[in-house]
Amino acid sequence: LMDLTHETYVHASSIGQKEIDEAPVTTQVEGEQVITSRFMENIGAPPFWRAALRGNGLADDVPVDRWQICRFNAPSHVMIEVGVAHAGKGGYHADPAHKVSSIVVDFITPETETSHWYFWGMARQFRPDDAELTGMIREGQGKIFGEDREMLERQQQNILRHRERKLLMLNIDAGGVQSRRIIDRWLALEGAAPEAA
């Protein structure tokens, strides 16, 4: 969740596009929060965002500026600001009249050593009272998260099958690595804390 490069490949028919893979990611650590950001300028909008533009009464056939800002907060929350604005209108800072944006909410809670509960939602910042648009977006998000689930389940199966292998940590994984360091620090503190009587 701290690097959305997978969208290019896993979600090619909805939110993915090659420009995600081509745009640099920046990673910042601010105390106990990790922030990764990716900004893409003057690109075509992928299908999900074209539909969102139309849903907000905006042209969907013009170049857009796109952003993805992921914020990890320990122990297991990731809030992802995503959106597109008509190119040249200010990108992330564009007036709402020229953009569509949302916050994807991800809460993850461990269940066992190899499973977790994953609660997600999307709060959009345009036409929140439009029930038809809500239904369309909910259906699209459900499909996207279903694709994520399939990928994560396969990844977990591979990890279990090849326990001796360590996960690779590439430059693109800096946000995930920094998030894991915070979690590990919390776990160490929890393990060192005396038990209450």
N, C-alpha and C. Protein backbone atom coordinates (compact mmCIF):
# COMPACT_ATOMS: atom_id res chain seq x y z
N LEU A 1 0.80 -1.21 0.00
CA LEU A 1 0.00 0.00 0.00
C LEU A 1 0.85 1.27 0.00
N MET A 2 2.10 1.14 0.34
CA MET A 2 2.96 2.32 0.37
C MET A 2 3.62 2.59 -0.98
N ASP A 3 3.45 1.68 -1.91
CA ASP A 3 3.89 1.89 -3.29
C ASP A 3 2.81 1.30 -4.19
N LEU A 4 2.24 2.13 -5.03
CA LEU A 4 1.11 1.69 -5.85
C LEU A 4 1.52 1.32 -7.27
N THR A 5 2.79 1.00 -7.47
CA THR A 5 3.26 0.59 -8.80
C THR A 5 2.47 -0.60 -9.32
N HIS A 6 2.03 -1.48 -8.44
CA HIS A 6 1.29 -2.67 -8.87
C HIS A 6 0.04 -2.32 -9.67
N GLU A 7 -0.49 -1.10 -9.49
CA GLU A 7 -1.69 -0.71 -10.24
C GLU A 7 -1.49 -0.87 -11.74
N THR A 8 -0.28 -0.58 -12.21
CA THR A 8 0.02 -0.68 -13.64
C THR A 8 -0.30 -2.06 -14.17
N TYR A 9 -0.03 -3.07 -13.37
CA TYR A 9 -0.13 -4.46 -13.82
C TYR A 9 -1.38 -5.17 -13.32
N VAL A 10 -1.70 -5.00 -12.05
CA VAL A 10 -2.82 -5.72 -11.44
C VAL A 10 -4.16 -5.08 -11.82
N HIS A 11 -4.17 -3.77 -12.00
CA HIS A 11 -5.41 -3.04 -12.26
C HIS A 11 -5.39 -2.34 -13.62
N ALA A 12 -4.83 -2.99 -14.62
CA ALA A 12 -4.66 -2.38 -15.94
C ALA A 12 -5.97 -1.92 -16.56
N SER A 13 -7.08 -2.55 -16.22
CA SER A 13 -8.36 -2.19 -16.85
C SER A 13 -9.14 -1.13 -16.08
N SER A 14 -8.58 -0.63 -14.98
CA SER A 14 -9.34 0.33 -14.17
C SER A 14 -8.51 1.55 -13.77
N ILE A 15 -7.57 1.38 -12.86
CA ILE A 15 -6.79 2.52 -12.36
C ILE A 15 -5.33 2.47 -12.80
N GLY A 16 -4.93 1.39 -13.44
CA GLY A 16 -3.54 1.24 -13.84
C GLY A 16 -3.21 1.97 -15.13
N GLN A 17 -1.96 2.35 -15.25
CA GLN A 17 -1.44 2.94 -16.48
C GLN A 17 0.08 2.95 -16.39
N LYS A 18 0.73 2.95 -17.55
CA LYS A 18 2.19 2.84 -17.59
C LYS A 18 2.88 4.01 -16.91
N GLU A 19 2.25 5.17 -16.88
CA GLU A 19 2.88 6.35 -16.28
C GLU A 19 3.13 6.18 -14.79
N ILE A 20 2.37 5.32 -14.13
CA ILE A 20 2.62 5.06 -12.71
C ILE A 20 4.00 4.46 -12.54
N ASP A 21 4.29 3.48 -13.37
CA ASP A 21 5.58 2.79 -13.30
C ASP A 21 6.74 3.72 -13.66
N GLU A 22 6.46 4.74 -14.45
CA GLU A 22 7.51 5.64 -14.95
C GLU A 22 7.76 6.83 -14.04
N ALA A 23 6.82 7.16 -13.17
CA ALA A 23 6.94 8.35 -12.32
C ALA A 23 7.72 8.03 -11.05
N PRO A 24 8.62 8.93 -10.64
CA PRO A 24 9.39 8.67 -9.42
C PRO A 24 8.52 8.78 -8.17
N VAL A 25 8.92 8.04 -7.14
CA VAL A 25 8.24 8.05 -5.85
C VAL A 25 9.16 8.71 -4.84
N THR A 26 8.62 9.58 -4.01
CA THR A 26 9.40 10.14 -2.91
C THR A 26 8.87 9.55 -1.61
N THR A 27 9.79 9.34 -0.67
CA THR A 27 9.42 8.79 0.64
C THR A 27 9.92 9.72 1.72
N GLN A 28 9.06 10.03 2.68
CA GLN A 28 9.41 10.86 3.82
C GLN A 28 8.99 10.13 5.09
N VAL A 29 9.77 10.30 6.14
CA VAL A 29 9.38 9.81 7.46
C VAL A 29 9.24 11.03 8.35
N GLU A 30 8.06 11.20 8.94
CA GLU A 30 7.80 12.31 9.84
C GLU A 30 7.34 11.73 11.17
N GLY A 31 8.29 11.55 12.08
CA GLY A 31 7.97 10.92 13.36
C GLY A 31 7.56 9.48 13.14
N GLU A 32 6.33 9.15 13.51
CA GLU A 32 5.80 7.79 13.38
C GLU A 32 4.96 7.63 12.11
N GLN A 33 5.05 8.58 11.20
CA GLN A 33 4.29 8.52 9.95
C GLN A 33 5.25 8.42 8.77
N VAL A 34 4.88 7.55 7.81
CA VAL A 34 5.64 7.43 6.56
C VAL A 34 4.74 7.91 5.44
N ILE A 35 5.29 8.74 4.56
CA ILE A 35 4.52 9.29 3.45
C ILE A 35 5.25 9.00 2.14
N THR A 36 4.55 8.37 1.21
CA THR A 36 5.10 8.20 -0.14
C THR A 36 4.21 9.00 -1.09
N SER A 37 4.84 9.63 -2.06
CA SER A 37 4.11 10.48 -3.01
C SER A 37 4.57 10.21 -4.43
N ARG A 38 3.61 10.27 -5.33
CA ARG A 38 3.91 10.15 -6.76
C ARG A 38 2.98 11.12 -7.48
N PHE A 39 3.58 11.93 -8.37
CA PHE A 39 2.82 12.91 -9.15
C PHE A 39 3.11 12.69 -10.62
N MET A 40 2.07 12.66 -11.43
CA MET A 40 2.20 12.46 -12.87
C MET A 40 1.50 13.62 -13.57
N GLU A 41 2.19 14.26 -14.50
CA GLU A 41 1.63 15.44 -15.15
C GLU A 41 1.34 15.19 -16.62
N ASN A 42 0.25 15.80 -17.06
CA ASN A 42 -0.11 15.84 -18.48
C ASN A 42 -0.20 14.45 -19.11
N ILE A 43 -0.99 13.60 -18.49
CA ILE A 43 -1.17 12.22 -18.96
C ILE A 43 -2.65 11.97 -19.23
N GLY A 44 -2.95 10.87 -19.88
CA GLY A 44 -4.34 10.46 -20.05
C GLY A 44 -4.84 9.83 -18.76
N ALA A 45 -6.12 10.00 -18.47
CA ALA A 45 -6.69 9.38 -17.27
C ALA A 45 -7.07 7.94 -17.58
N PRO A 46 -6.81 7.00 -16.65
CA PRO A 46 -7.24 5.61 -16.86
C PRO A 46 -8.77 5.51 -16.70
N PRO A 47 -9.36 4.37 -17.07
CA PRO A 47 -10.82 4.23 -17.10
C PRO A 47 -11.56 4.65 -15.82
N PHE A 48 -11.10 4.23 -14.66
CA PHE A 48 -11.79 4.58 -13.42
C PHE A 48 -11.86 6.09 -13.25
N TRP A 49 -10.74 6.77 -13.49
CA TRP A 49 -10.70 8.22 -13.30
C TRP A 49 -11.44 8.96 -14.40
N ARG A 50 -11.49 8.41 -15.62
CA ARG A 50 -12.31 9.03 -16.67
C ARG A 50 -13.78 9.00 -16.25
N ALA A 51 -14.22 7.86 -15.71
CA ALA A 51 -15.61 7.75 -15.25
C ALA A 51 -15.88 8.71 -14.09
N ALA A 52 -14.91 8.87 -13.20
CA ALA A 52 -15.08 9.81 -12.08
C ALA A 52 -15.18 11.25 -12.59
N LEU A 53 -14.35 11.60 -13.58
CA LEU A 53 -14.44 12.94 -14.17
C LEU A 53 -15.83 13.17 -14.75
N ARG A 54 -16.32 12.22 -15.52
CA ARG A 54 -17.67 12.34 -16.09
C ARG A 54 -18.71 12.46 -14.98
N GLY A 55 -18.53 11.66 -13.93
CA GLY A 55 -19.47 11.69 -12.81
C GLY A 55 -19.51 13.03 -12.11
N ASN A 56 -18.45 13.80 -12.24
CA ASN A 56 -18.39 15.13 -11.64
C ASN A 56 -18.67 16.22 -12.67
N GLY A 57 -19.14 15.81 -13.85
CA GLY A 57 -19.48 16.78 -14.89
C GLY A 57 -18.29 17.40 -15.58
N LEU A 58 -17.14 16.73 -15.54
CA LEU A 58 -15.92 17.25 -16.16
C LEU A 58 -15.57 16.45 -17.41
N ALA A 59 -14.88 17.10 -18.33
CA ALA A 59 -14.43 16.41 -19.54
C ALA A 59 -13.47 15.29 -19.15
N ASP A 60 -13.61 14.14 -19.82
CA ASP A 60 -12.74 13.00 -19.52
C ASP A 60 -11.76 12.71 -20.64
N ASP A 61 -11.77 13.52 -21.68
CA ASP A 61 -10.92 13.27 -22.85
C ASP A 61 -9.80 14.29 -22.99
N VAL A 62 -9.41 14.89 -21.87
CA VAL A 62 -8.33 15.87 -21.87
C VAL A 62 -7.21 15.36 -20.96
N PRO A 63 -5.98 15.83 -21.17
CA PRO A 63 -4.88 15.41 -20.29
C PRO A 63 -5.15 15.81 -18.84
N VAL A 64 -4.61 15.01 -17.93
CA VAL A 64 -4.80 15.27 -16.50
C VAL A 64 -3.45 15.24 -15.78
N ASP A 65 -3.45 15.81 -14.60
CA ASP A 65 -2.36 15.65 -13.64
C ASP A 65 -2.90 14.71 -12.57
N ARG A 66 -2.13 13.69 -12.23
CA ARG A 66 -2.59 12.65 -11.31
C ARG A 66 -1.67 12.58 -10.11
N TRP A 67 -2.22 12.22 -8.95
CA TRP A 67 -1.41 12.08 -7.74
C TRP A 67 -1.82 10.87 -6.94
N GLN A 68 -0.85 10.38 -6.16
CA GLN A 68 -1.04 9.29 -5.21
C GLN A 68 -0.18 9.63 -3.99
N ILE A 69 -0.80 9.85 -2.87
CA ILE A 69 -0.08 10.18 -1.64
C ILE A 69 -0.52 9.18 -0.57
N CYS A 70 0.40 8.33 -0.14
CA CYS A 70 0.11 7.26 0.82
C CYS A 70 0.68 7.64 2.18
N ARG A 71 -0.14 7.55 3.21
CA ARG A 71 0.29 7.89 4.57
C ARG A 71 0.08 6.69 5.49
N PHE A 72 1.18 6.14 5.97
CA PHE A 72 1.13 5.04 6.92
C PHE A 72 1.21 5.60 8.33
N ASN A 73 0.30 5.15 9.19
CA ASN A 73 0.33 5.46 10.61
C ASN A 73 0.26 4.14 11.37
N ALA A 74 1.22 3.94 12.26
CA ALA A 74 1.26 2.70 13.03
C ALA A 74 0.03 2.63 13.93
N PRO A 75 -0.46 1.45 14.20
CA PRO A 75 0.19 0.21 13.83
C PRO A 75 -0.17 -0.31 12.44
N SER A 76 -1.32 0.12 11.88
CA SER A 76 -1.73 -0.56 10.65
C SER A 76 -2.72 0.23 9.80
N HIS A 77 -2.56 1.52 9.75
CA HIS A 77 -3.50 2.34 8.98
C HIS A 77 -2.78 3.01 7.82
N VAL A 78 -3.39 2.93 6.64
CA VAL A 78 -2.86 3.63 5.48
C VAL A 78 -4.00 4.43 4.86
N MET A 79 -3.79 5.71 4.72
CA MET A 79 -4.75 6.60 4.06
C MET A 79 -4.08 7.03 2.76
N ILE A 80 -4.79 6.87 1.65
CA ILE A 80 -4.20 7.16 0.35
C ILE A 80 -5.02 8.24 -0.35
N GLU A 81 -4.40 9.41 -0.55
CA GLU A 81 -5.04 10.48 -1.31
C GLU A 81 -4.76 10.24 -2.78
N VAL A 82 -5.83 10.13 -3.56
CA VAL A 82 -5.69 9.89 -5.00
C VAL A 82 -6.61 10.83 -5.75
N GLY A 83 -6.22 11.13 -6.99
CA GLY A 83 -7.10 11.96 -7.79
C GLY A 83 -6.46 12.40 -9.08
N VAL A 84 -7.28 13.07 -9.88
CA VAL A 84 -6.82 13.67 -11.13
C VAL A 84 -7.45 15.05 -11.26
N ALA A 85 -6.71 15.94 -11.91
CA ALA A 85 -7.22 17.27 -12.23
C ALA A 85 -6.90 17.54 -13.69
N HIS A 86 -7.73 18.34 -14.32
CA HIS A 86 -7.40 18.72 -15.69
C HIS A 86 -6.00 19.33 -15.68
N ALA A 87 -5.17 18.91 -16.62
CA ALA A 87 -3.77 19.35 -16.67
C ALA A 87 -3.68 20.87 -16.71
N GLY A 88 -2.69 21.37 -15.97
CA GLY A 88 -2.43 22.80 -15.96
C GLY A 88 -3.34 23.59 -15.03
N LYS A 89 -4.19 22.93 -14.26
CA LYS A 89 -5.12 23.62 -13.36
C LYS A 89 -4.67 23.58 -11.91
N GLY A 90 -3.46 23.06 -11.66
CA GLY A 90 -2.94 23.05 -10.29
C GLY A 90 -2.74 21.68 -9.70
N GLY A 91 -3.04 20.62 -10.46
CA GLY A 91 -2.81 19.26 -9.97
C GLY A 91 -3.49 19.02 -8.63
N TYR A 92 -2.74 18.51 -7.69
CA TYR A 92 -3.25 18.20 -6.35
C TYR A 92 -3.94 19.41 -5.72
N HIS A 93 -3.41 20.61 -5.98
CA HIS A 93 -3.93 21.83 -5.38
C HIS A 93 -5.00 22.50 -6.24
N ALA A 94 -5.45 21.85 -7.31
CA ALA A 94 -6.44 22.45 -8.20
C ALA A 94 -7.74 22.74 -7.46
N ASP A 95 -8.43 23.73 -7.94
CA ASP A 95 -9.76 24.05 -7.44
C ASP A 95 -10.67 22.83 -7.66
N PRO A 96 -11.56 22.53 -6.72
CA PRO A 96 -12.45 21.37 -6.88
C PRO A 96 -13.25 21.38 -8.18
N ALA A 97 -13.42 22.54 -8.79
CA ALA A 97 -14.15 22.62 -10.05
C ALA A 97 -13.41 21.95 -11.20
N HIS A 98 -12.13 21.65 -11.00
CA HIS A 98 -11.29 21.09 -12.07
C HIS A 98 -10.74 19.71 -11.74
N LYS A 99 -11.22 19.07 -10.66
CA LYS A 99 -10.62 17.79 -10.28
C LYS A 99 -11.63 16.85 -9.65
N VAL A 100 -11.20 15.60 -9.55
CA VAL A 100 -11.90 14.59 -8.76
C VAL A 100 -10.85 13.94 -7.88
N SER A 101 -11.17 13.77 -6.61
CA SER A 101 -10.20 13.18 -5.70
C SER A 101 -10.92 12.43 -4.59
N SER A 102 -10.18 11.54 -3.98
CA SER A 102 -10.73 10.69 -2.93
C SER A 102 -9.63 10.34 -1.94
N ILE A 103 -10.06 9.84 -0.81
CA ILE A 103 -9.14 9.26 0.16
C ILE A 103 -9.54 7.80 0.31
N VAL A 104 -8.62 6.92 0.00
CA VAL A 104 -8.84 5.49 0.18
C VAL A 104 -8.38 5.15 1.59
N VAL A 105 -9.26 4.54 2.35
CA VAL A 105 -9.02 4.22 3.75
C VAL A 105 -8.70 2.73 3.87
N ASP A 106 -7.56 2.40 4.46
CA ASP A 106 -7.14 1.01 4.62
C ASP A 106 -6.78 0.77 6.08
N PHE A 107 -7.52 -0.13 6.74
CA PHE A 107 -7.23 -0.54 8.11
C PHE A 107 -6.97 -2.03 8.09
N ILE A 108 -5.82 -2.44 8.57
CA ILE A 108 -5.40 -3.84 8.51
C ILE A 108 -5.14 -4.33 9.93
N THR A 109 -5.76 -5.44 10.29
CA THR A 109 -5.62 -6.00 11.63
C THR A 109 -5.21 -7.46 11.53
N PRO A 110 -4.09 -7.85 12.14
CA PRO A 110 -3.69 -9.26 12.10
C PRO A 110 -4.74 -10.16 12.74
N GLU A 111 -4.90 -11.34 12.15
CA GLU A 111 -5.80 -12.36 12.71
C GLU A 111 -4.98 -13.53 13.22
N THR A 112 -4.08 -14.03 12.36
CA THR A 112 -3.16 -15.12 12.71
C THR A 112 -1.79 -14.74 12.16
N GLU A 113 -0.84 -15.65 12.26
CA GLU A 113 0.49 -15.40 11.70
C GLU A 113 0.45 -15.21 10.18
N THR A 114 -0.55 -15.77 9.53
CA THR A 114 -0.59 -15.74 8.06
C THR A 114 -1.88 -15.16 7.49
N SER A 115 -2.68 -14.50 8.32
CA SER A 115 -3.92 -13.90 7.81
C SER A 115 -4.21 -12.60 8.55
N HIS A 116 -5.05 -11.79 7.93
CA HIS A 116 -5.42 -10.53 8.56
C HIS A 116 -6.81 -10.11 8.10
N TRP A 117 -7.39 -9.20 8.84
CA TRP A 117 -8.62 -8.54 8.44
C TRP A 117 -8.21 -7.27 7.72
N TYR A 118 -8.89 -6.98 6.62
CA TYR A 118 -8.57 -5.80 5.81
C TYR A 118 -9.87 -5.02 5.60
N PHE A 119 -9.97 -3.89 6.25
CA PHE A 119 -11.14 -3.03 6.12
C PHE A 119 -10.76 -1.86 5.22
N TRP A 120 -11.57 -1.59 4.23
CA TRP A 120 -11.25 -0.53 3.29
C TRP A 120 -12.50 0.25 2.91
N GLY A 121 -12.28 1.42 2.44
CA GLY A 121 -13.37 2.25 1.94
C GLY A 121 -12.79 3.39 1.13
N MET A 122 -13.66 4.19 0.57
CA MET A 122 -13.21 5.33 -0.22
C MET A 122 -14.14 6.50 0.06
N ALA A 123 -13.57 7.60 0.48
CA ALA A 123 -14.33 8.82 0.72
C ALA A 123 -14.00 9.80 -0.40
N ARG A 124 -14.98 10.05 -1.25
CA ARG A 124 -14.70 10.94 -2.37
C ARG A 124 -15.02 12.37 -1.99
N GLN A 125 -14.37 13.28 -2.68
CA GLN A 125 -14.53 14.69 -2.38
C GLN A 125 -15.28 15.41 -3.50
N PHE A 126 -16.18 14.71 -4.16
CA PHE A 126 -17.01 15.32 -5.19
C PHE A 126 -18.35 14.60 -5.24
N ARG A 127 -19.42 15.36 -5.32
CA ARG A 127 -20.79 14.85 -5.43
C ARG A 127 -21.10 13.71 -4.46
N PRO A 128 -20.87 13.92 -3.17
CA PRO A 128 -21.11 12.85 -2.19
C PRO A 128 -22.58 12.45 -2.07
N ASP A 129 -23.51 13.30 -2.50
CA ASP A 129 -24.93 12.98 -2.37
C ASP A 129 -25.49 12.22 -3.57
N ASP A 130 -24.67 11.94 -4.57
CA ASP A 130 -25.12 11.26 -5.78
C ASP A 130 -25.08 9.74 -5.57
N ALA A 131 -26.24 9.15 -5.27
CA ALA A 131 -26.32 7.72 -4.96
C ALA A 131 -25.91 6.85 -6.14
N GLU A 132 -26.26 7.26 -7.35
CA GLU A 132 -25.89 6.47 -8.53
C GLU A 132 -24.37 6.45 -8.71
N LEU A 133 -23.74 7.61 -8.53
CA LEU A 133 -22.29 7.69 -8.62
C LEU A 133 -21.64 6.85 -7.51
N THR A 134 -22.21 6.91 -6.32
CA THR A 134 -21.70 6.10 -5.21
C THR A 134 -21.73 4.62 -5.57
N GLY A 135 -22.82 4.17 -6.15
CA GLY A 135 -22.93 2.77 -6.55
C GLY A 135 -21.90 2.38 -7.59
N MET A 136 -21.69 3.26 -8.58
CA MET A 136 -20.71 2.99 -9.63
C MET A 136 -19.30 2.89 -9.04
N ILE A 137 -18.97 3.83 -8.17
CA ILE A 137 -17.63 3.84 -7.56
C ILE A 137 -17.47 2.64 -6.63
N ARG A 138 -18.49 2.32 -5.85
CA ARG A 138 -18.41 1.17 -4.95
C ARG A 138 -18.16 -0.11 -5.75
N GLU A 139 -18.86 -0.27 -6.86
CA GLU A 139 -18.68 -1.46 -7.70
C GLU A 139 -17.25 -1.50 -8.26
N GLY A 140 -16.76 -0.36 -8.75
CA GLY A 140 -15.39 -0.30 -9.28
C GLY A 140 -14.35 -0.59 -8.22
N GLN A 141 -14.53 -0.01 -7.03
CA GLN A 141 -13.59 -0.26 -5.94
C GLN A 141 -13.64 -1.71 -5.49
N GLY A 142 -14.82 -2.30 -5.46
CA GLY A 142 -14.93 -3.71 -5.09
C GLY A 142 -14.15 -4.60 -6.03
N LYS A 143 -14.22 -4.30 -7.32
CA LYS A 143 -13.46 -5.07 -8.31
C LYS A 143 -11.96 -4.89 -8.09
N ILE A 144 -11.54 -3.66 -7.86
CA ILE A 144 -10.12 -3.36 -7.65
C ILE A 144 -9.61 -4.09 -6.40
N PHE A 145 -10.35 -4.02 -5.30
CA PHE A 145 -9.89 -4.69 -4.08
C PHE A 145 -9.96 -6.20 -4.21
N GLY A 146 -10.87 -6.71 -5.02
CA GLY A 146 -10.90 -8.15 -5.32
C GLY A 146 -9.63 -8.59 -6.04
N GLU A 147 -9.16 -7.75 -6.97
CA GLU A 147 -7.90 -8.04 -7.66
C GLU A 147 -6.73 -8.02 -6.68
N ASP A 148 -6.75 -7.05 -5.76
CA ASP A 148 -5.71 -6.98 -4.73
C ASP A 148 -5.73 -8.24 -3.87
N ARG A 149 -6.91 -8.65 -3.47
CA ARG A 149 -7.03 -9.83 -2.61
C ARG A 149 -6.42 -11.06 -3.29
N GLU A 150 -6.74 -11.25 -4.55
CA GLU A 150 -6.20 -12.40 -5.29
C GLU A 150 -4.67 -12.34 -5.31
N MET A 151 -4.11 -11.16 -5.57
CA MET A 151 -2.66 -11.00 -5.60
C MET A 151 -2.05 -11.28 -4.23
N LEU A 152 -2.65 -10.73 -3.17
CA LEU A 152 -2.11 -10.92 -1.82
C LEU A 152 -2.18 -12.37 -1.37
N GLU A 153 -3.26 -13.05 -1.72
CA GLU A 153 -3.38 -14.47 -1.35
C GLU A 153 -2.31 -15.29 -2.06
N ARG A 154 -2.06 -14.99 -3.31
CA ARG A 154 -1.00 -15.71 -4.04
C ARG A 154 0.38 -15.39 -3.46
N GLN A 155 0.58 -14.14 -3.09
CA GLN A 155 1.85 -13.75 -2.48
C GLN A 155 2.06 -14.52 -1.17
N GLN A 156 1.02 -14.60 -0.35
CA GLN A 156 1.13 -15.32 0.92
C GLN A 156 1.43 -16.80 0.68
N GLN A 157 0.80 -17.40 -0.31
CA GLN A 157 1.07 -18.80 -0.65
C GLN A 157 2.53 -18.99 -1.04
N ASN A 158 3.07 -18.07 -1.82
CA ASN A 158 4.49 -18.15 -2.21
C ASN A 158 5.41 -18.00 -1.00
N ILE A 159 5.08 -17.10 -0.11
CA ILE A 159 5.89 -16.91 1.10
C ILE A 159 5.90 -18.18 1.93
N LEU A 160 4.74 -18.81 2.08
CA LEU A 160 4.65 -20.05 2.86
C LEU A 160 5.38 -21.19 2.18
N ARG A 161 5.33 -21.24 0.87
CA ARG A 161 5.99 -22.31 0.11
C ARG A 161 7.51 -22.16 0.13
N HIS A 162 7.99 -20.94 0.23
CA HIS A 162 9.43 -20.67 0.15
C HIS A 162 9.87 -19.85 1.37
N ARG A 163 9.69 -20.42 2.54
CA ARG A 163 9.99 -19.70 3.79
C ARG A 163 11.45 -19.28 3.91
N GLU A 164 12.35 -20.01 3.24
CA GLU A 164 13.77 -19.70 3.35
C GLU A 164 14.15 -18.44 2.58
N ARG A 165 13.31 -18.00 1.68
CA ARG A 165 13.62 -16.82 0.87
C ARG A 165 13.27 -15.55 1.63
N LYS A 166 14.14 -14.57 1.48
CA LYS A 166 13.86 -13.26 2.05
C LYS A 166 13.24 -12.39 0.96
N LEU A 167 12.33 -11.52 1.35
CA LEU A 167 11.73 -10.61 0.39
C LEU A 167 12.79 -9.63 -0.09
N LEU A 168 12.77 -9.34 -1.38
CA LEU A 168 13.67 -8.34 -1.92
C LEU A 168 13.20 -6.96 -1.49
N MET A 169 14.13 -6.07 -1.24
CA MET A 169 13.79 -4.70 -0.91
C MET A 169 14.46 -3.81 -1.94
N LEU A 170 13.66 -3.31 -2.86
CA LEU A 170 14.15 -2.46 -3.93
C LEU A 170 13.96 -1.00 -3.54
N ASN A 171 14.58 -0.09 -4.31
CA ASN A 171 14.42 1.34 -4.02
C ASN A 171 12.95 1.74 -3.96
N ILE A 172 12.14 1.14 -4.81
CA ILE A 172 10.73 1.46 -4.88
C ILE A 172 9.99 1.07 -3.59
N ASP A 173 10.59 0.20 -2.79
CA ASP A 173 9.98 -0.30 -1.56
C ASP A 173 10.29 0.54 -0.32
N ALA A 174 10.89 1.70 -0.51
CA ALA A 174 11.33 2.51 0.64
C ALA A 174 10.19 2.81 1.61
N GLY A 175 9.01 3.13 1.11
CA GLY A 175 7.88 3.42 2.00
C GLY A 175 7.49 2.22 2.84
N GLY A 176 7.44 1.06 2.22
CA GLY A 176 7.12 -0.17 2.94
C GLY A 176 8.19 -0.54 3.95
N VAL A 177 9.45 -0.35 3.55
CA VAL A 177 10.57 -0.66 4.45
C VAL A 177 10.51 0.26 5.68
N GLN A 178 10.30 1.54 5.46
CA GLN A 178 10.23 2.49 6.59
C GLN A 178 9.03 2.19 7.49
N SER A 179 7.91 1.80 6.88
CA SER A 179 6.73 1.43 7.67
C SER A 179 7.01 0.21 8.53
N ARG A 180 7.66 -0.79 7.93
CA ARG A 180 8.01 -2.02 8.66
C ARG A 180 8.95 -1.70 9.82
N ARG A 181 9.87 -0.76 9.63
CA ARG A 181 10.79 -0.38 10.73
C ARG A 181 10.01 0.19 11.91
N ILE A 182 9.01 1.00 11.63
CA ILE A 182 8.19 1.55 12.71
C ILE A 182 7.43 0.44 13.42
N ILE A 183 6.85 -0.47 12.66
CA ILE A 183 6.13 -1.61 13.26
C ILE A 183 7.08 -2.44 14.12
N ASP A 184 8.27 -2.73 13.59
CA ASP A 184 9.25 -3.52 14.35
C ASP A 184 9.64 -2.81 15.64
N ARG A 185 9.79 -1.49 15.58
CA ARG A 185 10.13 -0.71 16.78
C ARG A 185 8.99 -0.82 17.81
N TRP A 186 7.76 -0.72 17.35
CA TRP A 186 6.61 -0.86 18.25
C TRP A 186 6.57 -2.25 18.87
N LEU A 187 6.82 -3.27 18.06
CA LEU A 187 6.82 -4.64 18.59
C LEU A 187 7.91 -4.84 19.63
N ALA A 188 9.09 -4.26 19.38
CA ALA A 188 10.19 -4.38 20.34
C ALA A 188 9.82 -3.70 21.66
N LEU A 189 9.21 -2.53 21.58
CA LEU A 189 8.78 -1.82 22.79
C LEU A 189 7.70 -2.61 23.53
N GLU A 190 6.79 -3.19 22.78
CA GLU A 190 5.73 -4.00 23.38
C GLU A 190 6.32 -5.22 24.09
N GLY A 191 7.30 -5.86 23.46
CA GLY A 191 7.94 -7.03 24.05
C GLY A 191 8.77 -6.70 25.27
N ALA A 192 9.28 -5.48 25.35
CA ALA A 192 10.12 -5.08 26.47
C ALA A 192 9.30 -4.53 27.64
N ALA A 193 8.03 -4.20 27.40
CA ALA A 193 7.20 -3.61 28.45
C ALA A 193 6.86 -4.66 29.50
N PRO A 194 6.96 -4.29 30.79
CA PRO A 194 6.58 -5.24 31.85
C PRO A 194 5.07 -5.47 31.81
N GLU A 195 4.67 -6.69 32.10
CA GLU A 195 3.24 -7.03 32.10
C GLU A 195 2.59 -6.43 33.33
N ALA A 196 1.36 -5.96 33.15
CA ALA A 196 0.61 -5.38 34.26
C ALA A 196 0.18 -6.50 35.22
N ALA A 197 0.21 -6.19 36.50
CA ALA A 197 -0.17 -7.19 37.52
C ALA A 197 -1.66 -7.35 37.61
